Amino acid sequence: MSHPRILGMDFGEKRVGLAISDSLGLTSQPLGLIERRSDAQLLDEVSGIIRERDVHLLVVGHPVGLSNRDTSRAKRTRRLVKFLRNNLAIPVEKWDERLSTTQADRVLNETETKPSKKMKKRDVIAAQLILQAYLDHQRMERAISHE
């Protein structure tokens, strides 16, 4: 059974990491990186990916602080999510991304990634971790509702 594709996003002012779900909706695969110049340019590139990959949902990592306090980055991400919701034809959801960058750094440190490539790979891995957490949560919710 094929599931609609879900796009995961790790938003940053300079770089935006992307990941996409597999056709079964079980795993998150790295998709790539967008060098962000403006919200409009980001919207244009994400819109193209949505059309090309038949994406039905965008999940954006929401950087809530460990103390649950609002950070400037969280406020900026909420503004971007609102912009995307107003300009995309698919739903856009926020997903708690606490520690995704820390986890991405841990993954990169365990591999033999050159320091010059770590920053770019980190954003894509963070997007992959965000989307995988979302997919796992959805699968658990479905299992619970069928009990």
C-alpha atoms as a PDB file:
ATOM      1  CA  MET A   1       0.000   0.000   0.000  1.00  0.00           C
ATOM      2  CA  SER A   2       1.496   3.328  -1.078  1.00  0.00           C
ATOM      3  CA  HIS A   3       1.272   6.339   1.228  1.00  0.00           C
ATOM      4  CA  PRO A   4       1.281   9.970   0.188  1.00  0.00           C
ATOM      5  CA  ARG A   5       4.755  11.451   0.497  1.00  0.00           C
ATOM      6  CA  ILE A   6       5.597  13.745   3.387  1.00  0.00           C
ATOM      7  CA  LEU A   7       8.318  16.381   3.165  1.00  0.00           C
ATOM      8  CA  GLY A   8      10.339  17.208   6.283  1.00  0.00           C
ATOM      9  CA  MET A   9      12.089  20.548   6.743  1.00  0.00           C
ATOM     10  CA  ASP A  10      14.790  21.801   9.090  1.00  0.00           C
ATOM     11  CA  PHE A  11      14.515  25.568   8.639  1.00  0.00           C
ATOM     12  CA  GLY A  12      17.504  27.843   8.953  1.00  0.00           C
ATOM     13  CA  GLU A  13      18.050  31.414   7.828  1.00  0.00           C
ATOM     14  CA  LYS A  14      20.891  30.351   5.494  1.00  0.00           C
ATOM     15  CA  ARG A  15      20.290  26.658   4.848  1.00  0.00           C
ATOM     16  CA  VAL A  16      17.146  24.535   4.827  1.00  0.00           C
ATOM     17  CA  GLY A  17      17.538  20.789   5.144  1.00  0.00           C
ATOM     18  CA  LEU A  18      14.954  18.545   3.480  1.00  0.00           C
ATOM     19  CA  ALA A  19      13.938  14.914   3.853  1.00  0.00           C
ATOM     20  CA  ILE A  20      11.123  12.892   2.292  1.00  0.00           C
ATOM     21  CA  SER A  21       9.180   9.843   3.394  1.00  0.00           C
ATOM     22  CA  ASP A  22       9.429   6.581   1.497  1.00  0.00           C
ATOM     23  CA  SER A  23       6.455   5.267  -0.478  1.00  0.00           C
ATOM     24  CA  LEU A  24       5.275   3.203   2.501  1.00  0.00           C
ATOM     25  CA  GLY A  25       5.380   6.111   4.929  1.00  0.00           C
ATOM     26  CA  LEU A  26       7.753   4.224   7.219  1.00  0.00           C
ATOM     27  CA  THR A  27      11.130   5.868   6.813  1.00  0.00           C
ATOM     28  CA  SER A  28      12.603   9.266   6.200  1.00  0.00           C
ATOM     29  CA  GLN A  29      15.147   9.658   3.409  1.00  0.00           C
ATOM     30  CA  PRO A  30      17.571  12.576   2.988  1.00  0.00           C
ATOM     31  CA  LEU A  31      16.496  14.810   0.110  1.00  0.00           C
ATOM     32  CA  GLY A  32      18.899  17.724   0.040  1.00  0.00           C
ATOM     33  CA  LEU A  33      19.626  21.277   0.981  1.00  0.00           C
ATOM     34  CA  ILE A  34      18.271  24.625  -0.143  1.00  0.00           C
ATOM     35  CA  GLU A  35      20.551  27.626   0.187  1.00  0.00           C
ATOM     36  CA  ARG A  36      17.954  30.129   1.407  1.00  0.00           C
ATOM     37  CA  ARG A  37      18.056  33.694   0.096  1.00  0.00           C
ATOM     38  CA  SER A  38      14.474  34.721   0.895  1.00  0.00           C
ATOM     39  CA  ASP A  39      11.155  33.237   1.962  1.00  0.00           C
ATOM     40  CA  ALA A  40       9.819  33.723  -1.573  1.00  0.00           C
ATOM     41  CA  GLN A  41      12.746  31.822  -3.105  1.00  0.00           C
ATOM     42  CA  LEU A  42      12.340  29.057  -0.505  1.00  0.00           C
ATOM     43  CA  LEU A  43       8.613  28.843  -1.284  1.00  0.00           C
ATOM     44  CA  ASP A  44       9.357  28.566  -4.999  1.00  0.00           C
ATOM     45  CA  GLU A  45      11.847  25.725  -4.546  1.00  0.00           C
ATOM     46  CA  VAL A  46       9.679  23.840  -2.026  1.00  0.00           C
ATOM     47  CA  SER A  47       6.643  24.215  -4.330  1.00  0.00           C
ATOM     48  CA  GLY A  48       8.617  22.585  -7.131  1.00  0.00           C
ATOM     49  CA  ILE A  49       9.603  19.665  -4.901  1.00  0.00           C
ATOM     50  CA  ILE A  50       6.000  19.237  -3.759  1.00  0.00           C
ATOM     51  CA  ARG A  51       4.831  18.987  -7.375  1.00  0.00           C
ATOM     52  CA  GLU A  52       7.696  16.745  -8.537  1.00  0.00           C
ATOM     53  CA  ARG A  53       7.467  14.316  -5.615  1.00  0.00           C
ATOM     54  CA  ASP A  54       3.673  14.306  -5.139  1.00  0.00           C
ATOM     55  CA  VAL A  55       3.991  15.534  -1.539  1.00  0.00           C
ATOM     56  CA  HIS A  56       0.761  15.823   0.476  1.00  0.00           C
ATOM     57  CA  LEU A  57       2.104  17.236   3.762  1.00  0.00           C
ATOM     58  CA  LEU A  58       5.008  19.437   4.865  1.00  0.00           C
ATOM     59  CA  VAL A  59       6.393  18.942   8.391  1.00  0.00           C
ATOM     60  CA  VAL A  60       8.558  21.810   9.623  1.00  0.00           C
ATOM     61  CA  GLY A  61      10.797  21.389  12.653  1.00  0.00           C
ATOM     62  CA  HIS A  62       9.741  23.809  15.405  1.00  0.00           C
ATOM     63  CA  PRO A  63      12.675  24.770  17.649  1.00  0.00           C
ATOM     64  CA  VAL A  64      11.112  24.877  21.105  1.00  0.00           C
ATOM     65  CA  GLY A  65      13.691  25.554  23.811  1.00  0.00           C
ATOM     66  CA  LEU A  66      14.474  22.843  26.340  1.00  0.00           C
ATOM     67  CA  SER A  67      12.782  24.976  28.998  1.00  0.00           C
ATOM     68  CA  ASN A  68       9.674  25.224  26.766  1.00  0.00           C
ATOM     69  CA  ARG A  69      10.349  28.952  26.480  1.00  0.00           C
ATOM     70  CA  ASP A  70       9.848  30.734  23.212  1.00  0.00           C
ATOM     71  CA  THR A  71      13.080  31.550  21.417  1.00  0.00           C
ATOM     72  CA  SER A  72      13.664  34.070  18.636  1.00  0.00           C
ATOM     73  CA  ARG A  73      14.272  31.139  16.289  1.00  0.00           C
ATOM     74  CA  ALA A  74      10.928  29.581  17.301  1.00  0.00           C
ATOM     75  CA  LYS A  75       9.131  32.865  16.575  1.00  0.00           C
ATOM     76  CA  ARG A  76      10.861  33.122  13.184  1.00  0.00           C
ATOM     77  CA  THR A  77       9.919  29.521  12.363  1.00  0.00           C
ATOM     78  CA  ARG A  78       6.273  30.182  13.276  1.00  0.00           C
ATOM     79  CA  ARG A  79       6.245  33.172  10.885  1.00  0.00           C
ATOM     80  CA  LEU A  80       7.674  30.970   8.130  1.00  0.00           C
ATOM     81  CA  VAL A  81       5.084  28.225   8.823  1.00  0.00           C
ATOM     82  CA  LYS A  82       2.298  30.822   8.584  1.00  0.00           C
ATOM     83  CA  PHE A  83       3.773  32.081   5.281  1.00  0.00           C
ATOM     84  CA  LEU A  84       3.973  28.523   3.912  1.00  0.00           C
ATOM     85  CA  ARG A  85       0.427  27.701   5.050  1.00  0.00           C
ATOM     86  CA  ASN A  86      -0.851  30.797   3.257  1.00  0.00           C
ATOM     87  CA  ASN A  87       1.012  29.983   0.038  1.00  0.00           C
ATOM     88  CA  LEU A  88       1.053  26.200  -0.345  1.00  0.00           C
ATOM     89  CA  ALA A  89      -1.842  23.999  -1.439  1.00  0.00           C
ATOM     90  CA  ILE A  90      -0.932  21.295   1.104  1.00  0.00           C
ATOM     91  CA  PRO A  91      -1.133  21.238   4.922  1.00  0.00           C
ATOM     92  CA  VAL A  92       1.918  22.432   6.863  1.00  0.00           C
ATOM     93  CA  GLU A  93       2.507  21.079  10.369  1.00  0.00           C
ATOM     94  CA  LYS A  94       5.014  22.092  13.025  1.00  0.00           C
ATOM     95  CA  TRP A  95       6.915  19.309  14.780  1.00  0.00           C
ATOM     96  CA  ASP A  96       9.015  19.629  17.927  1.00  0.00           C
ATOM     97  CA  GLU A  97      12.619  19.453  16.796  1.00  0.00           C
ATOM     98  CA  ARG A  98      14.279  19.619  20.210  1.00  0.00           C
ATOM     99  CA  LEU A  99      17.725  18.082  20.060  1.00  0.00           C
ATOM    100  CA  SER A 100      17.519  17.193  16.343  1.00  0.00           C
ATOM    101  CA  THR A 101      20.653  19.257  15.596  1.00  0.00           C
ATOM    102  CA  THR A 102      22.443  17.677  18.558  1.00  0.00           C
ATOM    103  CA  GLN A 103      21.462  14.219  17.278  1.00  0.00           C
ATOM    104  CA  ALA A 104      22.587  15.179  13.757  1.00  0.00           C
ATOM    105  CA  ASP A 105      25.956  16.299  15.134  1.00  0.00           C
ATOM    106  CA  ARG A 106      26.283  12.970  16.959  1.00  0.00           C
ATOM    107  CA  VAL A 107      25.578  11.074  13.713  1.00  0.00           C
ATOM    108  CA  LEU A 108      28.159  13.150  11.853  1.00  0.00           C
ATOM    109  CA  ASN A 109      30.765  12.657  14.574  1.00  0.00           C
ATOM    110  CA  GLU A 110      30.265   8.894  14.351  1.00  0.00           C
ATOM    111  CA  THR A 111      30.977   9.002  10.623  1.00  0.00           C
ATOM    112  CA  GLU A 112      34.157  10.175   9.011  1.00  0.00           C
ATOM    113  CA  THR A 113      32.604  13.328   7.614  1.00  0.00           C
ATOM    114  CA  LYS A 114      35.062  16.088   6.779  1.00  0.00           C
ATOM    115  CA  PRO A 115      34.530  19.207   8.922  1.00  0.00           C
ATOM    116  CA  SER A 116      33.958  21.313   5.785  1.00  0.00           C
ATOM    117  CA  LYS A 117      30.958  19.141   4.825  1.00  0.00           C
ATOM    118  CA  LYS A 118      29.457  18.731   8.303  1.00  0.00           C
ATOM    119  CA  MET A 119      27.432  21.965   8.325  1.00  0.00           C
ATOM    120  CA  LYS A 120      25.602  21.161   5.098  1.00  0.00           C
ATOM    121  CA  LYS A 121      25.012  17.516   5.989  1.00  0.00           C
ATOM    122  CA  ARG A 122      23.836  18.450   9.501  1.00  0.00           C
ATOM    123  CA  ASP A 123      20.785  20.330   8.187  1.00  0.00           C
ATOM    124  CA  VAL A 124      19.708  17.429   5.975  1.00  0.00           C
ATOM    125  CA  ILE A 125      20.232  14.872   8.749  1.00  0.00           C
ATOM    126  CA  ALA A 126      18.268  17.096  11.155  1.00  0.00           C
ATOM    127  CA  ALA A 127      15.388  17.214   8.626  1.00  0.00           C
ATOM    128  CA  GLN A 128      15.560  13.433   8.325  1.00  0.00           C
ATOM    129  CA  LEU A 129      15.433  13.025  12.127  1.00  0.00           C
ATOM    130  CA  ILE A 130      12.505  15.447  12.427  1.00  0.00           C
ATOM    131  CA  LEU A 131      10.524  13.625   9.748  1.00  0.00           C
ATOM    132  CA  GLN A 132      11.362  10.182  11.153  1.00  0.00           C
ATOM    133  CA  ALA A 133      10.116  11.233  14.600  1.00  0.00           C
ATOM    134  CA  TYR A 134       6.899  12.484  12.989  1.00  0.00           C
ATOM    135  CA  LEU A 135       6.421   9.236  11.002  1.00  0.00           C
ATOM    136  CA  ASP A 136       7.079   7.098  14.093  1.00  0.00           C
ATOM    137  CA  HIS A 137       4.555   9.131  16.106  1.00  0.00           C
ATOM    138  CA  GLN A 138       1.905   8.800  13.383  1.00  0.00           C
ATOM    139  CA  ARG A 139       2.465   5.035  13.182  1.00  0.00           C
ATOM    140  CA  MET A 140       2.123   4.739  16.978  1.00  0.00           C
ATOM    141  CA  GLU A 141      -1.079   6.828  16.937  1.00  0.00           C
ATOM    142  CA  ARG A 142      -2.559   4.557  14.253  1.00  0.00           C
ATOM    143  CA  ALA A 143      -1.621   1.434  16.244  1.00  0.00           C
ATOM    144  CA  ILE A 144      -3.220   2.813  19.397  1.00  0.00           C
ATOM    145  CA  SER A 145      -6.421   3.805  17.592  1.00  0.00           C
ATOM    146  CA  HIS A 146      -6.755   0.250  16.203  1.00  0.00           C
ATOM    147  CA  GLU A 147      -6.526  -1.417  19.629  1.00  0.00           C
END
